[in-house]
Amino acid sequence: MLTNPILASIALIVIGLASGTGAAAGVFALITKVGILPQIADKTKTTAYVTKYETAVLAGGVGGTLFFLFPFPFILPGIFLIIAGISFGIFVGCLATALAEALNVTAIFTRRLRLHIGIPLIVLSMALGKTAGSLLYYIRSYFPNK
C-alpha cells in the first residue's frame, strides 16, 4: 500500500491507462478480427470507402475517450440525441450480427433444433424483441414512476 499520495496518484494513472488501453485494444481487435467494416462496405457496395469507415471508427473511439476523460457540458437539440442513439444501435447491431456470423451461431442453432423453414422469421423476431426491450428500458428510465 502506497502511503505517499503522489506515488499513489501515479500508480492509479498508470493502472487506469493500462486498463483502458487493454480494453480498447480488445474492442478494436474484435472489430478487426470479425471484419465488420469490410462486410458493411461489401453489403452497401461502398468498398472504396473502407478506409473512411476505419477512420470514423477510430475517431469515434478517440472522441468517446476524450469525452469521458474531459467531460464538458454542451446543449444540443433532442434530434441530435435521437440520431446518435440510432447510429449507436445500428453499429452495435451490425457488430453483434457480424460476430454471430463469424462464429456461425445461426447455422449451429438451426442444425441443433432441426429447423429448415422460418429462419428469417426467427431472426426478425429476435431483432424486434431486442428493439422492444431496449425501448422499454430507456422509456422507463426516461419517464420514471413518481
Protein backbone atom coordinates (compact mmCIF):
# COMPACT_ATOMS: atom_id res chain seq x y z
CA MET A 1 0.00 0.00 0.00
CA LEU A 2 1.35 3.35 -1.03
CA THR A 3 1.36 5.99 1.69
CA ASN A 4 2.78 8.75 -0.47
CA PRO A 5 -0.15 10.50 -2.20
CA ILE A 6 1.94 11.43 -5.25
CA LEU A 7 3.09 7.84 -5.79
CA ALA A 8 -0.45 6.59 -5.24
CA SER A 9 -1.74 9.03 -7.87
CA ILE A 10 0.95 7.98 -10.34
CA ALA A 11 0.14 4.31 -9.73
CA LEU A 12 -3.58 4.97 -10.32
CA ILE A 13 -2.80 6.84 -13.54
CA VAL A 14 -0.59 4.02 -14.83
CA ILE A 15 -3.12 1.33 -13.90
CA GLY A 16 -6.00 3.32 -15.43
CA LEU A 17 -4.16 3.97 -18.68
CA ALA A 18 -3.03 0.35 -18.95
CA SER A 19 -6.54 -0.95 -18.28
CA GLY A 20 -8.14 1.44 -20.74
CA THR A 21 -5.57 0.64 -23.40
CA GLY A 22 -6.14 -3.08 -22.92
CA ALA A 23 -9.91 -2.75 -23.13
CA ALA A 24 -9.76 -0.52 -26.21
CA ALA A 25 -7.29 -2.85 -27.90
CA GLY A 26 -9.63 -5.76 -27.23
CA VAL A 27 -12.62 -3.97 -28.76
CA PHE A 28 -10.70 -2.86 -31.84
CA ALA A 29 -9.16 -6.32 -32.20
CA LEU A 30 -12.66 -7.82 -32.13
CA ILE A 31 -13.88 -5.37 -34.76
CA THR A 32 -10.83 -6.15 -36.91
CA LYS A 33 -11.00 -9.93 -36.46
CA VAL A 34 -14.70 -10.12 -37.17
CA GLY A 35 -14.18 -7.96 -40.26
CA ILE A 36 -17.26 -5.87 -39.68
CA LEU A 37 -16.09 -2.86 -41.68
CA PRO A 38 -15.26 -4.75 -44.89
CA GLN A 39 -18.55 -6.67 -44.53
CA ILE A 40 -20.55 -3.45 -44.20
CA ALA A 41 -18.69 -1.91 -47.13
CA ASP A 42 -19.30 -5.02 -49.23
CA LYS A 43 -23.02 -5.20 -48.41
CA THR A 44 -23.53 -1.49 -49.13
CA LYS A 45 -21.34 -1.60 -52.27
CA THR A 46 -19.02 1.08 -50.86
CA THR A 47 -15.74 -0.84 -50.72
CA ALA A 48 -13.87 2.22 -51.96
CA TYR A 49 -14.65 3.90 -48.61
CA VAL A 50 -13.36 1.21 -46.22
CA THR A 51 -10.53 3.48 -45.04
CA LYS A 52 -13.08 6.20 -44.30
CA TYR A 53 -15.10 3.70 -42.22
CA GLU A 54 -11.96 2.73 -40.31
CA THR A 55 -11.08 6.38 -39.74
CA ALA A 56 -14.62 7.07 -38.48
CA VAL A 57 -14.44 4.16 -36.00
CA LEU A 58 -11.04 5.31 -34.78
CA ALA A 59 -12.22 8.92 -34.45
CA GLY A 60 -15.29 7.74 -32.55
CA GLY A 61 -13.15 5.73 -30.15
CA VAL A 62 -10.76 8.61 -29.53
CA GLY A 63 -13.60 11.13 -29.30
CA GLY A 64 -15.51 8.97 -26.83
CA THR A 65 -12.41 8.53 -24.71
CA LEU A 66 -11.75 12.26 -24.65
CA PHE A 67 -15.40 12.95 -23.83
CA PHE A 68 -15.27 10.67 -20.79
CA LEU A 69 -11.86 11.90 -19.65
CA PHE A 70 -12.64 15.59 -20.03
CA PRO A 71 -16.41 16.00 -19.81
CA PHE A 72 -17.74 19.37 -20.77
CA PRO A 73 -21.35 20.49 -20.76
CA PHE A 74 -22.97 21.18 -24.08
CA ILE A 75 -26.58 21.53 -25.02
CA LEU A 76 -27.87 20.13 -28.28
CA PRO A 77 -31.41 19.76 -29.56
CA GLY A 78 -33.08 16.41 -28.94
CA ILE A 79 -32.82 15.46 -32.61
CA PHE A 80 -29.06 15.01 -32.21
CA LEU A 81 -29.65 12.60 -29.35
CA ILE A 82 -32.09 10.63 -31.48
CA ILE A 83 -29.64 10.49 -34.39
CA ALA A 84 -26.79 9.44 -32.09
CA GLY A 85 -28.91 6.74 -30.45
CA ILE A 86 -29.99 5.30 -33.79
CA SER A 87 -26.39 5.36 -35.02
CA PHE A 88 -25.12 3.59 -31.89
CA GLY A 89 -27.86 1.00 -32.18
CA ILE A 90 -27.08 0.32 -35.83
CA PHE A 91 -23.38 -0.09 -35.05
CA VAL A 92 -23.96 -2.43 -32.12
CA GLY A 93 -26.46 -4.44 -34.16
CA CYS A 94 -24.01 -4.76 -37.05
CA LEU A 95 -21.24 -5.79 -34.67
CA ALA A 96 -23.41 -8.41 -32.98
CA THR A 97 -24.60 -9.76 -36.33
CA ALA A 98 -21.07 -9.92 -37.72
CA LEU A 99 -19.85 -11.68 -34.58
CA ALA A 100 -22.68 -14.20 -34.77
CA GLU A 101 -21.93 -14.74 -38.44
CA ALA A 102 -18.23 -15.19 -37.77
CA LEU A 103 -18.95 -17.74 -35.05
CA ASN A 104 -21.54 -19.47 -37.25
CA VAL A 105 -24.11 -19.23 -34.47
CA THR A 106 -27.15 -19.27 -36.76
CA ALA A 107 -26.04 -22.37 -38.66
CA ILE A 108 -25.30 -24.29 -35.47
CA PHE A 109 -28.57 -23.12 -33.87
CA THR A 110 -30.70 -24.21 -36.82
CA ARG A 111 -28.90 -27.53 -37.14
CA ARG A 112 -29.33 -28.36 -33.45
CA LEU A 113 -33.03 -27.52 -33.48
CA ARG A 114 -33.52 -29.16 -36.90
CA LEU A 115 -35.08 -26.02 -38.34
CA HIS A 116 -35.46 -25.85 -42.09
CA ILE A 117 -38.15 -23.22 -42.58
CA GLY A 118 -38.95 -20.00 -40.76
CA ILE A 119 -35.35 -18.98 -40.04
CA PRO A 120 -35.84 -15.41 -41.32
CA LEU A 121 -38.87 -15.07 -39.04
CA ILE A 122 -36.85 -16.24 -36.05
CA VAL A 123 -34.10 -13.73 -36.78
CA LEU A 124 -36.67 -10.96 -37.28
CA SER A 125 -38.45 -11.83 -34.04
CA MET A 126 -35.15 -11.75 -32.13
CA ALA A 127 -34.35 -8.32 -33.58
CA LEU A 128 -37.82 -6.98 -32.80
CA GLY A 129 -37.66 -8.39 -29.28
CA LYS A 130 -34.30 -6.75 -28.68
CA THR A 131 -35.63 -3.45 -30.03
CA ALA A 132 -38.75 -3.62 -27.89
CA GLY A 133 -36.73 -4.46 -24.79
CA SER A 134 -34.33 -1.58 -25.40
CA LEU A 135 -37.16 0.86 -25.98
CA LEU A 136 -38.96 -0.21 -22.81
CA TYR A 137 -35.75 0.05 -20.79
CA TYR A 138 -34.97 3.57 -21.98
CA ILE A 139 -38.54 4.85 -21.90
CA ARG A 140 -38.99 3.60 -18.32
CA SER A 141 -35.72 5.22 -17.22
CA TYR A 142 -36.60 8.46 -19.02
CA PHE A 143 -40.09 8.62 -17.52
CA PRO A 144 -39.70 7.13 -14.02
CA ASN A 145 -42.74 6.41 -11.88
CA LYS A 146 -43.35 9.00 -9.22
